Amino acid sequence: MKKSLMLLAAVAFSTAAFAQTTTTQDPATGAKTTTTVRDNGTVKTETRTGRTEAGEKIHETKEDAKVTGKKAGHAVKRGAQKTGKAVKKGAKAVKTKAKDVVD
C-alpha cells in the first residue's frame, strides 16, 4: 500500500512538472502557432505556416483522384450489376425456348 501511494504521488508530481503547451490555428491561412511555457518561466513560440501553392495543388489533385476513383468504382459496380441481370434474363429466355423445342 505504501509503495503504491508513493508511486501515485511521484506520477502526480511528475505530470505537474511538464511544460504547458497551447496550439492555435489561423482558419484563413491554416498556420499553426504553438506556445510552450516552461517550468522556469521562459516561453517558446513555434509557428508553422499553411500549405504552399505547390502543396495545395498536390493536395487538390489527391482529393480529385480520390473522388474520380470512387465514381469509377461505382460505375463499374453498376455496369456489372446490369450485365449480370441481362445474362440472367437471357439464360432464362434460352431455357424457355429449349423447353418449347423439346416439347
C-alpha atoms as a PDB file:
ATOM      1  CA  MET A   1       0.000   0.000   0.000  1.00  0.00           C
ATOM      2  CA  LYS A   2       2.805   2.357   0.958  1.00  0.00           C
ATOM      3  CA  LYS A   3       4.667   1.680  -2.304  1.00  0.00           C
ATOM      4  CA  SER A   4       1.590   2.277  -4.446  1.00  0.00           C
ATOM      5  CA  LEU A   5       0.861   5.534  -2.617  1.00  0.00           C
ATOM      6  CA  MET A   6       4.446   6.713  -3.167  1.00  0.00           C
ATOM      7  CA  LEU A   7       4.235   5.730  -6.841  1.00  0.00           C
ATOM      8  CA  LEU A   8       0.958   7.618  -7.247  1.00  0.00           C
ATOM      9  CA  ALA A   9       2.457  10.724  -5.629  1.00  0.00           C
ATOM     10  CA  ALA A  10       5.524  10.541  -7.893  1.00  0.00           C
ATOM     11  CA  VAL A  11       3.375  10.266 -11.015  1.00  0.00           C
ATOM     12  CA  ALA A  12       1.165  13.176  -9.946  1.00  0.00           C
ATOM     13  CA  PHE A  13       4.205  15.351  -9.214  1.00  0.00           C
ATOM     14  CA  SER A  14       5.962  14.480 -12.486  1.00  0.00           C
ATOM     15  CA  THR A  15       2.920  15.261 -14.646  1.00  0.00           C
ATOM     16  CA  ALA A  16       2.518  18.630 -12.963  1.00  0.00           C
ATOM     17  CA  ALA A  17       6.148  19.457 -13.735  1.00  0.00           C
ATOM     18  CA  PHE A  18       5.728  19.204 -17.525  1.00  0.00           C
ATOM     19  CA  ALA A  19       5.609  22.360 -19.589  1.00  0.00           C
ATOM     20  CA  GLN A  20       2.200  23.659 -20.603  1.00  0.00           C
ATOM     21  CA  THR A  21       1.588  23.798 -24.362  1.00  0.00           C
ATOM     22  CA  THR A  22      -1.186  25.549 -26.253  1.00  0.00           C
ATOM     23  CA  THR A  23      -1.764  25.328 -30.002  1.00  0.00           C
ATOM     24  CA  THR A  24      -3.846  27.717 -32.087  1.00  0.00           C
ATOM     25  CA  GLN A  25      -4.641  27.627 -35.802  1.00  0.00           C
ATOM     26  CA  ASP A  26      -5.493  30.512 -38.097  1.00  0.00           C
ATOM     27  CA  PRO A  27      -8.562  29.392 -40.102  1.00  0.00           C
ATOM     28  CA  ALA A  28      -7.784  31.631 -43.088  1.00  0.00           C
ATOM     29  CA  THR A  29      -4.211  30.547 -43.794  1.00  0.00           C
ATOM     30  CA  GLY A  30      -4.008  27.254 -41.914  1.00  0.00           C
ATOM     31  CA  ALA A  31      -0.936  28.459 -39.992  1.00  0.00           C
ATOM     32  CA  LYS A  32      -0.403  26.817 -36.597  1.00  0.00           C
ATOM     33  CA  THR A  33       1.210  28.563 -33.644  1.00  0.00           C
ATOM     34  CA  THR A  34       2.405  26.519 -30.678  1.00  0.00           C
ATOM     35  CA  THR A  35       3.270  28.325 -27.446  1.00  0.00           C
ATOM     36  CA  THR A  36       5.110  26.440 -24.709  1.00  0.00           C
ATOM     37  CA  VAL A  37       5.548  27.846 -21.201  1.00  0.00           C
ATOM     38  CA  ARG A  38       8.400  26.066 -19.456  1.00  0.00           C
ATOM     39  CA  ASP A  39       8.805  25.422 -15.739  1.00  0.00           C
ATOM     40  CA  ASN A  40      11.431  28.149 -15.385  1.00  0.00           C
ATOM     41  CA  GLY A  41       9.042  30.744 -16.871  1.00  0.00           C
ATOM     42  CA  THR A  42      10.527  31.029 -20.344  1.00  0.00           C
ATOM     43  CA  VAL A  43       8.171  30.989 -23.321  1.00  0.00           C
ATOM     44  CA  LYS A  44       8.901  29.236 -26.611  1.00  0.00           C
ATOM     45  CA  THR A  45       6.739  30.026 -29.660  1.00  0.00           C
ATOM     46  CA  GLU A  46       6.817  27.960 -32.852  1.00  0.00           C
ATOM     47  CA  THR A  47       4.913  28.949 -35.988  1.00  0.00           C
ATOM     48  CA  ARG A  48       4.149  26.573 -38.826  1.00  0.00           C
ATOM     49  CA  THR A  49       2.664  28.111 -41.936  1.00  0.00           C
ATOM     50  CA  GLY A  50      -0.052  26.534 -44.061  1.00  0.00           C
ATOM     51  CA  ARG A  51       0.428  24.780 -47.375  1.00  0.00           C
ATOM     52  CA  THR A  52       2.460  26.355 -50.152  1.00  0.00           C
ATOM     53  CA  GLU A  53       0.925  26.791 -53.603  1.00  0.00           C
ATOM     54  CA  ALA A  54       2.568  23.598 -54.810  1.00  0.00           C
ATOM     55  CA  GLY A  55       1.469  21.743 -51.701  1.00  0.00           C
ATOM     56  CA  GLU A  56      -2.100  22.963 -52.140  1.00  0.00           C
ATOM     57  CA  LYS A  57      -2.141  21.814 -55.793  1.00  0.00           C
ATOM     58  CA  ILE A  58      -0.828  18.385 -54.790  1.00  0.00           C
ATOM     59  CA  HIS A  59      -3.489  18.135 -52.083  1.00  0.00           C
ATOM     60  CA  GLU A  60      -6.274  19.133 -54.506  1.00  0.00           C
ATOM     61  CA  THR A  61      -5.005  16.646 -57.103  1.00  0.00           C
ATOM     62  CA  LYS A  62      -5.042  13.892 -54.499  1.00  0.00           C
ATOM     63  CA  GLU A  63      -8.605  14.754 -53.466  1.00  0.00           C
ATOM     64  CA  ASP A  64      -9.733  14.882 -57.125  1.00  0.00           C
ATOM     65  CA  ALA A  65      -8.176  11.473 -57.794  1.00  0.00           C
ATOM     66  CA  LYS A  66      -9.978  10.060 -54.774  1.00  0.00           C
ATOM     67  CA  VAL A  67     -13.353  11.352 -55.995  1.00  0.00           C
ATOM     68  CA  THR A  68     -12.704  10.130 -59.539  1.00  0.00           C
ATOM     69  CA  GLY A  69     -11.775   6.692 -58.231  1.00  0.00           C
ATOM     70  CA  LYS A  70     -14.985   6.473 -56.224  1.00  0.00           C
ATOM     71  CA  LYS A  71     -17.069   7.495 -59.245  1.00  0.00           C
ATOM     72  CA  ALA A  72     -15.301   4.990 -61.500  1.00  0.00           C
ATOM     73  CA  GLY A  73     -15.755   2.230 -58.935  1.00  0.00           C
ATOM     74  CA  HIS A  74     -19.459   2.979 -58.673  1.00  0.00           C
ATOM     75  CA  ALA A  75     -19.827   2.942 -62.467  1.00  0.00           C
ATOM     76  CA  VAL A  76     -18.028  -0.416 -62.736  1.00  0.00           C
ATOM     77  CA  LYS A  77     -20.187  -1.910 -59.994  1.00  0.00           C
ATOM     78  CA  ARG A  78     -23.402  -0.652 -61.592  1.00  0.00           C
ATOM     79  CA  GLY A  79     -22.312  -1.947 -65.014  1.00  0.00           C
ATOM     80  CA  ALA A  80     -21.556  -5.362 -63.548  1.00  0.00           C
ATOM     81  CA  GLN A  81     -24.987  -5.463 -61.911  1.00  0.00           C
ATOM     82  CA  LYS A  82     -26.705  -4.572 -65.193  1.00  0.00           C
ATOM     83  CA  THR A  83     -24.676  -7.164 -67.099  1.00  0.00           C
ATOM     84  CA  GLY A  84     -25.483  -9.829 -64.524  1.00  0.00           C
ATOM     85  CA  LYS A  85     -29.181  -9.080 -64.763  1.00  0.00           C
ATOM     86  CA  ALA A  86     -29.079  -9.190 -68.576  1.00  0.00           C
ATOM     87  CA  VAL A  87     -27.217 -12.530 -68.571  1.00  0.00           C
ATOM     88  CA  LYS A  88     -29.716 -13.975 -66.116  1.00  0.00           C
ATOM     89  CA  LYS A  89     -32.634 -12.765 -68.263  1.00  0.00           C
ATOM     90  CA  GLY A  90     -31.008 -14.167 -71.429  1.00  0.00           C
ATOM     91  CA  ALA A  91     -30.345 -17.526 -69.816  1.00  0.00           C
ATOM     92  CA  LYS A  92     -33.955 -17.705 -68.681  1.00  0.00           C
ATOM     93  CA  ALA A  93     -35.151 -16.953 -72.233  1.00  0.00           C
ATOM     94  CA  VAL A  94     -32.893 -19.652 -73.715  1.00  0.00           C
ATOM     95  CA  LYS A  95     -34.175 -22.152 -71.157  1.00  0.00           C
ATOM     96  CA  THR A  96     -37.783 -21.351 -72.079  1.00  0.00           C
ATOM     97  CA  LYS A  97     -37.085 -21.707 -75.842  1.00  0.00           C
ATOM     98  CA  ALA A  98     -35.283 -25.002 -75.241  1.00  0.00           C
ATOM     99  CA  LYS A  99     -38.346 -26.367 -73.451  1.00  0.00           C
ATOM    100  CA  ASP A 100     -40.590 -25.323 -76.354  1.00  0.00           C
ATOM    101  CA  VAL A 101     -38.351 -27.045 -78.919  1.00  0.00           C
ATOM    102  CA  VAL A 102     -38.214 -30.270 -76.931  1.00  0.00           C
ATOM    103  CA  ASP A 103     -41.990 -30.408 -76.490  1.00  0.00           C
END
